[in-house]
Amino acid sequence: MLQQWLPAIRIVQIILGVAVIIFILLQVRSAGLGSAFGGSAGSVFKTRRGVERLIFNITIVFVVLFALLSVLSAAIH
């Protein structure tokens, strides 16, 4: 019976996958390439606020939904 939902689940999975990629790319990092390779030793911890925090939280929700749909899809198939 759940087999009929498999195409819809896969479409939602594709949409969530693209959304996760977009939201990860939207997250602005204050660290440049120099600090990624060990430069800027005096970096200060920065808390997320406002829109940055909202994008971070939405990314987490989308990743969890994507993982749950992947497990459900594998269980149905």
N, C-alpha and C. Protein backbone atom coordinates (compact mmCIF):
# COMPACT_ATOMS: atom_id res chain seq x y z
N MET A 1 0.81 -1.20 0.00
CA MET A 1 0.00 0.00 0.00
C MET A 1 0.86 1.27 0.00
N LEU A 2 1.94 1.24 0.73
CA LEU A 2 2.83 2.39 0.76
C LEU A 2 3.66 2.52 -0.51
N GLN A 3 3.68 1.45 -1.31
CA GLN A 3 4.44 1.46 -2.55
C GLN A 3 3.96 2.55 -3.51
N GLN A 4 2.67 2.89 -3.47
CA GLN A 4 2.13 3.93 -4.36
C GLN A 4 2.64 5.32 -4.00
N TRP A 5 3.12 5.51 -2.78
CA TRP A 5 3.65 6.80 -2.34
C TRP A 5 5.11 6.99 -2.70
N LEU A 6 5.76 5.94 -3.17
CA LEU A 6 7.19 6.01 -3.45
C LEU A 6 7.59 7.09 -4.46
N PRO A 7 6.88 7.28 -5.58
CA PRO A 7 7.26 8.38 -6.49
C PRO A 7 7.13 9.76 -5.84
N ALA A 8 6.09 9.97 -5.06
CA ALA A 8 5.91 11.27 -4.38
C ALA A 8 7.01 11.49 -3.35
N ILE A 9 7.39 10.44 -2.64
CA ILE A 9 8.46 10.55 -1.64
C ILE A 9 9.77 10.91 -2.32
N ARG A 10 10.03 10.30 -3.47
CA ARG A 10 11.28 10.60 -4.19
C ARG A 10 11.31 12.03 -4.71
N ILE A 11 10.17 12.54 -5.15
CA ILE A 11 10.12 13.94 -5.62
C ILE A 11 10.37 14.89 -4.46
N VAL A 12 9.76 14.61 -3.31
CA VAL A 12 9.98 15.45 -2.13
C VAL A 12 11.44 15.35 -1.69
N GLN A 13 12.02 14.17 -1.83
CA GLN A 13 13.44 13.99 -1.49
C GLN A 13 14.33 14.85 -2.38
N ILE A 14 14.04 14.90 -3.66
CA ILE A 14 14.83 15.72 -4.59
C ILE A 14 14.69 17.20 -4.22
N ILE A 15 13.47 17.63 -3.95
CA ILE A 15 13.24 19.03 -3.57
C ILE A 15 13.98 19.37 -2.27
N LEU A 16 13.91 18.49 -1.29
CA LEU A 16 14.62 18.73 -0.02
C LEU A 16 16.13 18.73 -0.23
N GLY A 17 16.62 17.84 -1.09
CA GLY A 17 18.06 17.80 -1.36
C GLY A 17 18.56 19.11 -1.96
N VAL A 18 17.80 19.63 -2.93
CA VAL A 18 18.18 20.91 -3.54
C VAL A 18 18.08 22.04 -2.51
N ALA A 19 17.03 22.02 -1.68
CA ALA A 19 16.87 23.05 -0.65
C ALA A 19 18.02 23.01 0.36
N VAL A 20 18.45 21.81 0.74
CA VAL A 20 19.58 21.69 1.68
C VAL A 20 20.84 22.29 1.06
N ILE A 21 21.09 21.99 -0.20
CA ILE A 21 22.27 22.54 -0.87
C ILE A 21 22.21 24.06 -0.91
N ILE A 22 21.05 24.60 -1.25
CA ILE A 22 20.89 26.06 -1.32
C ILE A 22 21.10 26.69 0.05
N PHE A 23 20.49 26.11 1.08
CA PHE A 23 20.61 26.71 2.41
C PHE A 23 22.03 26.58 2.98
N ILE A 24 22.73 25.52 2.62
CA ILE A 24 24.13 25.42 3.06
C ILE A 24 24.96 26.49 2.37
N LEU A 25 24.71 26.71 1.08
CA LEU A 25 25.45 27.74 0.36
C LEU A 25 25.10 29.15 0.82
N LEU A 26 23.88 29.33 1.35
CA LEU A 26 23.47 30.65 1.83
C LEU A 26 24.12 31.04 3.16
N GLN A 27 24.59 30.03 3.87
CA GLN A 27 25.20 30.33 5.17
C GLN A 27 26.52 31.06 4.94
N VAL A 28 26.55 32.29 5.38
CA VAL A 28 27.71 33.13 5.17
C VAL A 28 28.73 32.83 6.26
N ARG A 29 29.93 32.56 5.83
CA ARG A 29 31.01 32.30 6.78
C ARG A 29 31.87 33.54 6.88
N SER A 30 32.15 33.94 8.09
CA SER A 30 33.00 35.12 8.26
C SER A 30 34.47 34.78 8.03
N ALA A 31 34.80 33.50 8.08
CA ALA A 31 36.18 33.08 7.87
C ALA A 31 36.48 33.00 6.38
N GLY A 32 37.58 33.60 5.97
CA GLY A 32 38.00 33.54 4.58
C GLY A 32 38.86 32.33 4.32
N LEU A 33 39.42 32.26 3.14
CA LEU A 33 40.28 31.14 2.78
C LEU A 33 41.54 31.09 3.63
N GLY A 34 42.04 32.25 4.02
CA GLY A 34 43.26 32.28 4.82
C GLY A 34 43.09 31.59 6.15
N SER A 35 41.96 31.80 6.81
CA SER A 35 41.76 31.16 8.10
C SER A 35 41.42 29.68 7.95
N ALA A 36 40.94 29.28 6.78
CA ALA A 36 40.66 27.87 6.55
C ALA A 36 41.94 27.05 6.51
N PHE A 37 43.06 27.71 6.14
CA PHE A 37 44.34 27.01 6.07
C PHE A 37 45.24 27.37 7.24
N GLY A 38 44.66 27.80 8.35
CA GLY A 38 45.46 28.02 9.55
C GLY A 38 45.80 29.46 9.84
N GLY A 39 45.42 30.40 8.99
CA GLY A 39 45.69 31.81 9.25
C GLY A 39 44.70 32.38 10.23
N SER A 40 44.88 33.62 10.61
CA SER A 40 43.97 34.34 11.51
C SER A 40 43.79 33.59 12.82
N ALA A 41 44.84 33.44 13.57
CA ALA A 41 44.80 32.69 14.82
C ALA A 41 43.98 33.40 15.88
N GLY A 42 43.78 34.68 15.76
CA GLY A 42 43.04 35.42 16.76
C GLY A 42 41.56 35.54 16.46
N SER A 43 40.98 34.53 15.87
CA SER A 43 39.56 34.61 15.53
C SER A 43 38.71 34.54 16.79
N VAL A 44 37.58 35.22 16.76
CA VAL A 44 36.68 35.30 17.90
C VAL A 44 35.44 34.49 17.59
N PHE A 45 34.93 33.78 18.60
CA PHE A 45 33.71 33.00 18.43
C PHE A 45 32.55 33.93 18.11
N LYS A 46 31.77 33.59 17.09
CA LYS A 46 30.68 34.45 16.66
C LYS A 46 29.37 33.69 16.79
N THR A 47 28.40 34.30 17.45
CA THR A 47 27.10 33.66 17.58
C THR A 47 26.22 34.05 16.39
N ARG A 48 25.34 33.13 16.05
CA ARG A 48 24.42 33.40 14.93
C ARG A 48 23.23 34.19 15.46
N ARG A 49 22.83 35.20 14.71
CA ARG A 49 21.68 36.02 15.10
C ARG A 49 20.86 36.37 13.89
N GLY A 50 19.58 36.59 14.12
CA GLY A 50 18.69 37.06 13.07
C GLY A 50 18.51 36.06 11.94
N VAL A 51 18.67 36.54 10.74
CA VAL A 51 18.45 35.73 9.54
C VAL A 51 19.46 34.59 9.47
N GLU A 52 20.69 34.83 9.90
CA GLU A 52 21.72 33.79 9.88
C GLU A 52 21.31 32.60 10.74
N ARG A 53 20.73 32.87 11.89
CA ARG A 53 20.27 31.81 12.78
C ARG A 53 19.07 31.08 12.17
N LEU A 54 18.16 31.83 11.54
CA LEU A 54 17.00 31.23 10.90
C LEU A 54 17.43 30.28 9.77
N ILE A 55 18.37 30.71 8.94
CA ILE A 55 18.87 29.87 7.85
C ILE A 55 19.53 28.62 8.41
N PHE A 56 20.29 28.76 9.50
CA PHE A 56 20.95 27.62 10.14
C PHE A 56 19.91 26.61 10.65
N ASN A 57 18.87 27.11 11.33
CA ASN A 57 17.84 26.22 11.87
C ASN A 57 17.03 25.55 10.77
N ILE A 58 16.71 26.28 9.71
CA ILE A 58 15.98 25.69 8.59
C ILE A 58 16.83 24.60 7.92
N THR A 59 18.12 24.83 7.82
CA THR A 59 19.02 23.82 7.24
C THR A 59 18.98 22.54 8.05
N ILE A 60 19.00 22.66 9.37
CA ILE A 60 18.95 21.48 10.24
C ILE A 60 17.63 20.73 10.05
N VAL A 61 16.52 21.46 10.00
CA VAL A 61 15.21 20.83 9.82
C VAL A 61 15.15 20.10 8.47
N PHE A 62 15.64 20.74 7.41
CA PHE A 62 15.61 20.11 6.09
C PHE A 62 16.49 18.87 6.05
N VAL A 63 17.63 18.89 6.70
CA VAL A 63 18.52 17.72 6.72
C VAL A 63 17.86 16.56 7.47
N VAL A 64 17.22 16.86 8.59
CA VAL A 64 16.53 15.81 9.35
C VAL A 64 15.38 15.23 8.54
N LEU A 65 14.58 16.09 7.89
CA LEU A 65 13.49 15.60 7.04
C LEU A 65 14.01 14.76 5.88
N PHE A 66 15.11 15.19 5.28
CA PHE A 66 15.70 14.44 4.18
C PHE A 66 16.15 13.05 4.66
N ALA A 67 16.78 13.00 5.82
CA ALA A 67 17.24 11.72 6.37
C ALA A 67 16.05 10.79 6.68
N LEU A 68 15.00 11.35 7.27
CA LEU A 68 13.83 10.53 7.60
C LEU A 68 13.15 10.00 6.32
N LEU A 69 13.04 10.85 5.32
CA LEU A 69 12.45 10.39 4.06
C LEU A 69 13.32 9.34 3.37
N SER A 70 14.63 9.46 3.51
CA SER A 70 15.52 8.45 2.92
C SER A 70 15.35 7.11 3.59
N VAL A 71 15.24 7.11 4.90
CA VAL A 71 15.02 5.85 5.64
C VAL A 71 13.67 5.28 5.28
N LEU A 72 12.63 6.12 5.21
CA LEU A 72 11.29 5.66 4.85
C LEU A 72 11.27 5.08 3.43
N SER A 73 11.94 5.76 2.52
CA SER A 73 12.01 5.28 1.14
C SER A 73 12.71 3.93 1.05
N ALA A 74 13.77 3.78 1.81
CA ALA A 74 14.50 2.49 1.81
C ALA A 74 13.66 1.39 2.45
N ALA A 75 12.89 1.73 3.46
CA ALA A 75 12.05 0.73 4.13
C ALA A 75 10.89 0.29 3.22
N ILE A 76 10.35 1.21 2.45
CA ILE A 76 9.24 0.89 1.55
C ILE A 76 9.72 0.07 0.36
N HIS A 77 10.88 0.44 -0.16
CA HIS A 77 11.41 -0.23 -1.34
C HIS A 77 11.87 -1.61 -0.97
